[in-house]
Amino acid sequence: MKILILGGTGEARALAERLVDAGHDVTTSLAGRTSAPLLPQGALRIGGFGGPEGLAACLRTEAFDWLVDATHPYAGRISANAVAASAASGIPLLRLMRAPWDEPEDARWQHFESPEVAAKALPPGARVLLTTGHAGLDHFLARADCGFLVRVIQAPQAGLPDHARLLLERPPYDLDHELALLRDNGVTHMVSKNSGGGQTAAKLAAAGALGVAVIIIDRPAYPAAREVASVDEALAILHSDASRR
């Protein structure tokens, strides 16, 4: 089968590898926001499609059999475009979305709908580890009454103000690393998306162990689609369809 994966996650890379190994024709599309991304097996496409219409046209023109949305859980616009493009093109869509982290009963995470609202909730004098990527960064950095450690894979184009420090790291992170990071920087608050998965989950365990307040920016709402939470589940559906062709 010919399969287009909207990628950029570890799950997308794992799925592409296993589909290529099984003999399928796989193209992974990356948004191109990271200058040195980890590359999947199979063909590669970099850049946007021009909205849902452009994606639908690509699906039809290139005669793909399946569209798999394996983007980050917070890539809301891309996921919405995938639903619209699938409906317009008639190409079936499968969403591979990792499950969110479960909140421990005693964790008392604070939940907010957006970076803007979360930034306003920080108390003056907070020392904050920001782990939310580039989106919404300006709302937090506008809080000059707080100190920030901004952890990202790639440096933002604009420089950081004096009350913020840049930390360039790529996951996975282990518990010892996260405990040391929080302790050494006197972190009082950590801001995170509920991305799920194991590569960055240690930060939540470390925050819980040290009593660091956890602020969660909740996932966006997605249009309805056929959805699975694991690579194995996705493969079962795709291989089942391939066997009927």
C-alpha atoms as a PDB file:
ATOM      1  CA  MET A   1       0.000   0.000   0.000  1.00  0.00           C
ATOM      2  CA  LYS A   2       0.964   3.624  -0.427  1.00  0.00           C
ATOM      3  CA  ILE A   3       0.747   5.497   2.866  1.00  0.00           C
ATOM      4  CA  LEU A   4       1.246   9.155   3.784  1.00  0.00           C
ATOM      5  CA  ILE A   5       2.228   9.745   7.414  1.00  0.00           C
ATOM      6  CA  LEU A   6       1.964  13.192   8.943  1.00  0.00           C
ATOM      7  CA  GLY A   7       4.915  12.813  11.269  1.00  0.00           C
ATOM      8  CA  GLY A   8       7.348  14.479  13.615  1.00  0.00           C
ATOM      9  CA  THR A   9       6.931  12.121  16.584  1.00  0.00           C
ATOM     10  CA  GLY A  10       8.708   8.991  17.757  1.00  0.00           C
ATOM     11  CA  GLU A  11       5.552   7.014  17.035  1.00  0.00           C
ATOM     12  CA  ALA A  12       5.546   8.276  13.439  1.00  0.00           C
ATOM     13  CA  ARG A  13       9.149   7.176  12.947  1.00  0.00           C
ATOM     14  CA  ALA A  14       8.493   3.756  14.478  1.00  0.00           C
ATOM     15  CA  LEU A  15       5.418   3.274  12.302  1.00  0.00           C
ATOM     16  CA  ALA A  16       7.257   4.300   9.152  1.00  0.00           C
ATOM     17  CA  GLU A  17      10.104   1.894   9.904  1.00  0.00           C
ATOM     18  CA  ARG A  18       7.809  -1.065  10.428  1.00  0.00           C
ATOM     19  CA  LEU A  19       5.693  -0.288   7.379  1.00  0.00           C
ATOM     20  CA  VAL A  20       8.776   0.057   5.172  1.00  0.00           C
ATOM     21  CA  ASP A  21      10.118  -3.233   6.538  1.00  0.00           C
ATOM     22  CA  ALA A  22       6.776  -4.827   5.600  1.00  0.00           C
ATOM     23  CA  GLY A  23       7.183  -3.644   2.010  1.00  0.00           C
ATOM     24  CA  HIS A  24       4.794  -0.686   1.936  1.00  0.00           C
ATOM     25  CA  ASP A  25       5.433   2.557   0.035  1.00  0.00           C
ATOM     26  CA  VAL A  26       5.676   5.120   2.840  1.00  0.00           C
ATOM     27  CA  THR A  27       6.099   8.896   2.703  1.00  0.00           C
ATOM     28  CA  THR A  28       6.438  10.904   5.911  1.00  0.00           C
ATOM     29  CA  SER A  29       5.600  14.602   5.878  1.00  0.00           C
ATOM     30  CA  LEU A  30       7.361  16.908   8.348  1.00  0.00           C
ATOM     31  CA  ALA A  31       6.308  20.490   8.997  1.00  0.00           C
ATOM     32  CA  GLY A  32       9.913  21.714   8.773  1.00  0.00           C
ATOM     33  CA  ARG A  33       9.949  23.706  12.024  1.00  0.00           C
ATOM     34  CA  THR A  34      13.009  21.879  13.400  1.00  0.00           C
ATOM     35  CA  SER A  35      16.303  22.398  11.569  1.00  0.00           C
ATOM     36  CA  ALA A  36      17.782  18.972  12.386  1.00  0.00           C
ATOM     37  CA  PRO A  37      14.840  16.576  12.832  1.00  0.00           C
ATOM     38  CA  LEU A  38      15.212  12.859  13.449  1.00  0.00           C
ATOM     39  CA  LEU A  39      14.415  11.354  10.063  1.00  0.00           C
ATOM     40  CA  PRO A  40      12.160   8.352   9.410  1.00  0.00           C
ATOM     41  CA  GLN A  41      12.642   5.517   6.960  1.00  0.00           C
ATOM     42  CA  GLY A  42      10.978   5.785   3.570  1.00  0.00           C
ATOM     43  CA  ALA A  43      10.367   8.868   1.460  1.00  0.00           C
ATOM     44  CA  LEU A  44      10.371  12.305   3.078  1.00  0.00           C
ATOM     45  CA  ARG A  45       8.398  15.472   2.431  1.00  0.00           C
ATOM     46  CA  ILE A  46       9.197  18.780   4.147  1.00  0.00           C
ATOM     47  CA  GLY A  47       6.790  21.705   4.471  1.00  0.00           C
ATOM     48  CA  GLY A  48       3.077  22.394   4.491  1.00  0.00           C
ATOM     49  CA  PHE A  49       0.439  21.376   1.965  1.00  0.00           C
ATOM     50  CA  GLY A  50      -1.479  24.629   1.739  1.00  0.00           C
ATOM     51  CA  GLY A  51      -4.297  23.766   4.103  1.00  0.00           C
ATOM     52  CA  PRO A  52      -6.795  20.911   3.869  1.00  0.00           C
ATOM     53  CA  GLU A  53      -7.440  21.559   0.176  1.00  0.00           C
ATOM     54  CA  GLY A  54      -3.759  21.139  -0.638  1.00  0.00           C
ATOM     55  CA  LEU A  55      -3.504  17.996   1.446  1.00  0.00           C
ATOM     56  CA  ALA A  56      -6.600  16.533  -0.244  1.00  0.00           C
ATOM     57  CA  ALA A  57      -5.123  17.315  -3.660  1.00  0.00           C
ATOM     58  CA  CYS A  58      -1.859  15.598  -2.700  1.00  0.00           C
ATOM     59  CA  LEU A  59      -3.713  12.501  -1.496  1.00  0.00           C
ATOM     60  CA  ARG A  60      -5.605  12.238  -4.776  1.00  0.00           C
ATOM     61  CA  THR A  61      -2.758  13.162  -7.135  1.00  0.00           C
ATOM     62  CA  GLU A  62      -0.231  10.851  -5.500  1.00  0.00           C
ATOM     63  CA  ALA A  63      -2.816   8.036  -5.194  1.00  0.00           C
ATOM     64  CA  PHE A  64      -2.242   7.309  -1.520  1.00  0.00           C
ATOM     65  CA  ASP A  65      -4.235   4.469   0.015  1.00  0.00           C
ATOM     66  CA  TRP A  66      -4.096   5.769   3.590  1.00  0.00           C
ATOM     67  CA  LEU A  67      -3.436   8.986   5.488  1.00  0.00           C
ATOM     68  CA  VAL A  68      -2.007   8.521   8.986  1.00  0.00           C
ATOM     69  CA  ASP A  69      -1.974  11.496  11.336  1.00  0.00           C
ATOM     70  CA  ALA A  70       0.872  10.735  13.754  1.00  0.00           C
ATOM     71  CA  THR A  71       1.640  14.330  14.636  1.00  0.00           C
ATOM     72  CA  HIS A  72       2.187  15.720  18.138  1.00  0.00           C
ATOM     73  CA  PRO A  73      -0.912  15.717  20.378  1.00  0.00           C
ATOM     74  CA  TYR A  74      -0.818  19.537  20.313  1.00  0.00           C
ATOM     75  CA  ALA A  75      -0.672  19.899  16.536  1.00  0.00           C
ATOM     76  CA  GLY A  76      -4.353  20.757  16.503  1.00  0.00           C
ATOM     77  CA  ARG A  77      -4.541  22.573  13.182  1.00  0.00           C
ATOM     78  CA  ILE A  78      -2.740  19.826  11.264  1.00  0.00           C
ATOM     79  CA  SER A  79      -5.028  17.180  12.762  1.00  0.00           C
ATOM     80  CA  ALA A  80      -8.116  19.190  11.822  1.00  0.00           C
ATOM     81  CA  ASN A  81      -6.770  19.592   8.283  1.00  0.00           C
ATOM     82  CA  ALA A  82      -6.222  15.843   8.062  1.00  0.00           C
ATOM     83  CA  VAL A  83      -9.872  15.150   8.904  1.00  0.00           C
ATOM     84  CA  ALA A  84     -11.079  17.657   6.308  1.00  0.00           C
ATOM     85  CA  ALA A  85      -8.671  16.378   3.644  1.00  0.00           C
ATOM     86  CA  SER A  86      -9.694  12.773   4.216  1.00  0.00           C
ATOM     87  CA  ALA A  87     -13.369  13.672   3.814  1.00  0.00           C
ATOM     88  CA  ALA A  88     -12.698  15.702   0.663  1.00  0.00           C
ATOM     89  CA  SER A  89     -10.446  13.117  -1.004  1.00  0.00           C
ATOM     90  CA  GLY A  90     -12.129   9.900   0.099  1.00  0.00           C
ATOM     91  CA  ILE A  91      -8.771   8.576   1.382  1.00  0.00           C
ATOM     92  CA  PRO A  92      -9.212   6.900   4.785  1.00  0.00           C
ATOM     93  CA  LEU A  93      -7.633   8.542   7.811  1.00  0.00           C
ATOM     94  CA  LEU A  94      -6.119   6.861  10.860  1.00  0.00           C
ATOM     95  CA  ARG A  95      -5.051   9.048  13.791  1.00  0.00           C
ATOM     96  CA  LEU A  96      -2.196   7.699  15.901  1.00  0.00           C
ATOM     97  CA  MET A  97      -2.419   9.708  19.113  1.00  0.00           C
ATOM     98  CA  ARG A  98      -0.467   8.701  22.189  1.00  0.00           C
ATOM     99  CA  ALA A  99      -2.494   8.580  25.388  1.00  0.00           C
ATOM    100  CA  PRO A 100      -2.154  11.484  27.839  1.00  0.00           C
ATOM    101  CA  TRP A 101      -0.428  11.043  31.176  1.00  0.00           C
ATOM    102  CA  ASP A 102      -2.612   9.994  34.083  1.00  0.00           C
ATOM    103  CA  GLU A 103      -2.635  12.491  36.916  1.00  0.00           C
ATOM    104  CA  PRO A 104      -1.676  10.906  40.264  1.00  0.00           C
ATOM    105  CA  GLU A 105      -4.396  11.305  42.891  1.00  0.00           C
ATOM    106  CA  ASP A 106      -2.175  13.447  45.123  1.00  0.00           C
ATOM    107  CA  ALA A 107      -0.557  15.468  42.334  1.00  0.00           C
ATOM    108  CA  ARG A 108      -2.944  18.446  42.232  1.00  0.00           C
ATOM    109  CA  TRP A 109      -1.927  19.552  38.770  1.00  0.00           C
ATOM    110  CA  GLN A 110      -3.320  22.909  37.725  1.00  0.00           C
ATOM    111  CA  HIS A 111      -5.019  22.719  34.319  1.00  0.00           C
ATOM    112  CA  PHE A 112      -5.349  25.585  31.849  1.00  0.00           C
ATOM    113  CA  GLU A 113      -6.681  25.808  28.321  1.00  0.00           C
ATOM    114  CA  SER A 114      -3.901  27.935  26.837  1.00  0.00           C
ATOM    115  CA  PRO A 115      -0.378  29.306  27.466  1.00  0.00           C
ATOM    116  CA  GLU A 116      -1.861  32.785  27.850  1.00  0.00           C
ATOM    117  CA  VAL A 117      -4.114  31.754  30.724  1.00  0.00           C
ATOM    118  CA  ALA A 118      -1.411  29.594  32.324  1.00  0.00           C
ATOM    119  CA  ALA A 119       1.100  32.460  32.260  1.00  0.00           C
ATOM    120  CA  LYS A 120      -1.315  34.721  34.117  1.00  0.00           C
ATOM    121  CA  ALA A 121      -1.735  32.076  36.834  1.00  0.00           C
ATOM    122  CA  LEU A 122       1.941  32.058  37.852  1.00  0.00           C
ATOM    123  CA  PRO A 123       2.574  33.756  41.204  1.00  0.00           C
ATOM    124  CA  PRO A 124       5.085  36.631  41.351  1.00  0.00           C
ATOM    125  CA  GLY A 125       8.594  35.393  42.089  1.00  0.00           C
ATOM    126  CA  ALA A 126       8.001  31.927  40.647  1.00  0.00           C
ATOM    127  CA  ARG A 127      11.066  30.116  39.278  1.00  0.00           C
ATOM    128  CA  VAL A 128       9.671  28.249  36.295  1.00  0.00           C
ATOM    129  CA  LEU A 129      10.831  25.378  34.121  1.00  0.00           C
ATOM    130  CA  LEU A 130       9.045  25.861  30.788  1.00  0.00           C
ATOM    131  CA  THR A 131       8.750  22.631  28.790  1.00  0.00           C
ATOM    132  CA  THR A 132       6.041  23.653  26.319  1.00  0.00           C
ATOM    133  CA  GLY A 133       8.144  24.395  23.238  1.00  0.00           C
ATOM    134  CA  HIS A 134       7.933  27.601  21.234  1.00  0.00           C
ATOM    135  CA  ALA A 135       4.161  28.014  21.049  1.00  0.00           C
ATOM    136  CA  GLY A 136       2.928  30.647  23.482  1.00  0.00           C
ATOM    137  CA  LEU A 137       6.414  31.385  24.808  1.00  0.00           C
ATOM    138  CA  ASP A 138       5.861  35.131  24.572  1.00  0.00           C
ATOM    139  CA  HIS A 139       3.010  35.004  27.099  1.00  0.00           C
ATOM    140  CA  PHE A 140       5.305  33.541  29.753  1.00  0.00           C
ATOM    141  CA  LEU A 141       8.296  35.747  28.995  1.00  0.00           C
ATOM    142  CA  ALA A 142       6.095  38.813  29.406  1.00  0.00           C
ATOM    143  CA  ARG A 143       6.036  37.937  33.124  1.00  0.00           C
ATOM    144  CA  ALA A 144       9.156  39.868  34.127  1.00  0.00           C
ATOM    145  CA  ASP A 145       8.320  39.221  37.783  1.00  0.00           C
ATOM    146  CA  CYS A 146       9.164  35.515  37.336  1.00  0.00           C
ATOM    147  CA  GLY A 147      12.346  33.655  36.394  1.00  0.00           C
ATOM    148  CA  PHE A 148      12.289  31.124  33.552  1.00  0.00           C
ATOM    149  CA  LEU A 149      14.383  28.190  32.400  1.00  0.00           C
ATOM    150  CA  VAL A 150      13.212  27.565  28.836  1.00  0.00           C
ATOM    151  CA  ARG A 151      13.887  23.999  27.688  1.00  0.00           C
ATOM    152  CA  VAL A 152      13.554  23.467  23.942  1.00  0.00           C
ATOM    153  CA  ILE A 153      15.148  21.337  21.228  1.00  0.00           C
ATOM    154  CA  GLN A 154      15.888  24.323  18.990  1.00  0.00           C
ATOM    155  CA  ALA A 155      16.558  27.904  20.095  1.00  0.00           C
ATOM    156  CA  PRO A 156      13.807  30.434  19.372  1.00  0.00           C
ATOM    157  CA  GLN A 157      14.589  32.998  16.704  1.00  0.00           C
ATOM    158  CA  ALA A 158      14.137  35.901  19.108  1.00  0.00           C
ATOM    159  CA  GLY A 159      16.531  36.239  22.023  1.00  0.00           C
ATOM    160  CA  LEU A 160      15.381  35.700  25.590  1.00  0.00           C
ATOM    161  CA  PRO A 161      14.974  38.521  28.135  1.00  0.00           C
ATOM    162  CA  ASP A 162      17.227  38.821  31.174  1.00  0.00           C
ATOM    163  CA  HIS A 163      14.775  36.951  33.426  1.00  0.00           C
ATOM    164  CA  ALA A 164      14.949  33.831  31.222  1.00  0.00           C
ATOM    165  CA  ARG A 165      17.668  31.296  30.421  1.00  0.00           C
ATOM    166  CA  LEU A 166      17.810  28.898  27.496  1.00  0.00           C
ATOM    167  CA  LEU A 167      18.366  25.153  27.906  1.00  0.00           C
ATOM    168  CA  LEU A 168      18.793  23.192  24.665  1.00  0.00           C
ATOM    169  CA  GLU A 169      18.062  19.495  25.249  1.00  0.00           C
ATOM    170  CA  ARG A 170      16.462  16.672  23.319  1.00  0.00           C
ATOM    171  CA  PRO A 171      14.551  13.880  25.112  1.00  0.00           C
ATOM    172  CA  PRO A 172      14.488  11.247  26.476  1.00  0.00           C
ATOM    173  CA  TYR A 173      15.145  12.420  30.041  1.00  0.00           C
ATOM    174  CA  ASP A 174      15.606  10.168  33.058  1.00  0.00           C
ATOM    175  CA  LEU A 175      14.531  10.753  36.640  1.00  0.00           C
ATOM    176  CA  ASP A 176      17.989  11.522  38.037  1.00  0.00           C
ATOM    177  CA  HIS A 177      18.528  14.159  35.348  1.00  0.00           C
ATOM    178  CA  GLU A 178      15.169  15.792  36.031  1.00  0.00           C
ATOM    179  CA  LEU A 179      15.626  15.781  39.811  1.00  0.00           C
ATOM    180  CA  ALA A 180      19.014  17.457  39.473  1.00  0.00           C
ATOM    181  CA  LEU A 181      17.652  20.009  36.997  1.00  0.00           C
ATOM    182  CA  LEU A 182      14.833  21.062  39.303  1.00  0.00           C
ATOM    183  CA  ARG A 183      17.009  21.155  42.425  1.00  0.00           C
ATOM    184  CA  ASP A 184      19.980  22.956  40.878  1.00  0.00           C
ATOM    185  CA  ASN A 185      17.808  25.700  39.436  1.00  0.00           C
ATOM    186  CA  GLY A 186      15.537  26.162  42.440  1.00  0.00           C
ATOM    187  CA  VAL A 187      12.455  25.482  40.327  1.00  0.00           C
ATOM    188  CA  THR A 188       9.145  26.175  42.078  1.00  0.00           C
ATOM    189  CA  HIS A 189       6.801  25.671  39.100  1.00  0.00           C
ATOM    190  CA  MET A 190       6.931  23.533  35.974  1.00  0.00           C
ATOM    191  CA  VAL A 191       4.767  24.213  32.930  1.00  0.00           C
ATOM    192  CA  SER A 192       4.067  21.272  30.639  1.00  0.00           C
ATOM    193  CA  LYS A 193       1.759  20.089  27.916  1.00  0.00           C
ATOM    194  CA  ASN A 194       0.109  16.732  28.564  1.00  0.00           C
ATOM    195  CA  SER A 195       2.010  15.150  25.681  1.00  0.00           C
ATOM    196  CA  GLY A 196       1.984  11.605  27.045  1.00  0.00           C
ATOM    197  CA  GLY A 197       4.582   8.951  26.296  1.00  0.00           C
ATOM    198  CA  GLY A 198       7.669   7.870  28.189  1.00  0.00           C
ATOM    199  CA  GLN A 199      10.383  10.146  26.847  1.00  0.00           C
ATOM    200  CA  THR A 200       9.565  13.162  29.046  1.00  0.00           C
ATOM    201  CA  ALA A 201       7.392  11.640  31.783  1.00  0.00           C
ATOM    202  CA  ALA A 202      10.257  11.713  34.299  1.00  0.00           C
ATOM    203  CA  LYS A 203       9.827  15.465  34.744  1.00  0.00           C
ATOM    204  CA  LEU A 204       6.424  14.870  36.327  1.00  0.00           C
ATOM    205  CA  ALA A 205       7.793  12.255  38.718  1.00  0.00           C
ATOM    206  CA  ALA A 206      10.622  14.604  39.666  1.00  0.00           C
ATOM    207  CA  ALA A 207       8.238  17.497  40.253  1.00  0.00           C
ATOM    208  CA  GLY A 208       6.062  15.304  42.456  1.00  0.00           C
ATOM    209  CA  ALA A 209       9.035  14.113  44.493  1.00  0.00           C
ATOM    210  CA  LEU A 210      10.287  17.648  45.115  1.00  0.00           C
ATOM    211  CA  GLY A 211       6.947  19.370  45.626  1.00  0.00           C
ATOM    212  CA  VAL A 212       7.258  21.472  42.491  1.00  0.00           C
ATOM    213  CA  ALA A 213       3.895  22.840  41.336  1.00  0.00           C
ATOM    214  CA  VAL A 214       2.839  21.414  37.965  1.00  0.00           C
ATOM    215  CA  ILE A 215       0.888  23.560  35.512  1.00  0.00           C
ATOM    216  CA  ILE A 216      -0.629  21.599  32.629  1.00  0.00           C
ATOM    217  CA  ILE A 217      -1.792  23.128  29.367  1.00  0.00           C
ATOM    218  CA  ASP A 218      -4.560  20.785  28.285  1.00  0.00           C
ATOM    219  CA  ARG A 219      -4.787  19.200  24.853  1.00  0.00           C
ATOM    220  CA  PRO A 220      -6.815  20.898  22.141  1.00  0.00           C
ATOM    221  CA  ALA A 221     -10.093  19.426  20.971  1.00  0.00           C
ATOM    222  CA  TYR A 222      -9.920  17.398  17.756  1.00  0.00           C
ATOM    223  CA  PRO A 223     -12.527  16.582  15.119  1.00  0.00           C
ATOM    224  CA  ALA A 224     -13.718  12.985  15.315  1.00  0.00           C
ATOM    225  CA  ALA A 225     -11.548  10.407  13.527  1.00  0.00           C
ATOM    226  CA  ARG A 226     -10.666   6.739  13.763  1.00  0.00           C
ATOM    227  CA  GLU A 227      -8.007   6.817  16.469  1.00  0.00           C
ATOM    228  CA  VAL A 228      -5.497   4.437  18.054  1.00  0.00           C
ATOM    229  CA  ALA A 229      -2.961   4.981  20.823  1.00  0.00           C
ATOM    230  CA  SER A 230      -0.098   2.716  19.745  1.00  0.00           C
ATOM    231  CA  VAL A 231       2.002   1.764  16.754  1.00  0.00           C
ATOM    232  CA  ASP A 232       0.916  -1.864  17.111  1.00  0.00           C
ATOM    233  CA  GLU A 233      -2.754  -0.891  16.894  1.00  0.00           C
ATOM    234  CA  ALA A 234      -2.093   1.230  13.822  1.00  0.00           C
ATOM    235  CA  LEU A 235      -0.199  -1.594  12.127  1.00  0.00           C
ATOM    236  CA  ALA A 236      -3.010  -4.057  12.819  1.00  0.00           C
ATOM    237  CA  ILE A 237      -5.522  -1.827  11.036  1.00  0.00           C
ATOM    238  CA  LEU A 238      -3.273  -1.045   8.095  1.00  0.00           C
ATOM    239  CA  HIS A 239      -2.161  -4.654   7.600  1.00  0.00           C
ATOM    240  CA  SER A 240      -5.748  -5.840   7.851  1.00  0.00           C
ATOM    241  CA  ASP A 241      -6.732  -3.478   5.051  1.00  0.00           C
ATOM    242  CA  ALA A 242      -3.728  -4.520   2.971  1.00  0.00           C
ATOM    243  CA  SER A 243      -4.706  -8.174   3.256  1.00  0.00           C
ATOM    244  CA  ARG A 244      -8.123  -7.426   1.772  1.00  0.00           C
ATOM    245  CA  ARG A 245      -6.748  -5.636  -1.293  1.00  0.00           C
END
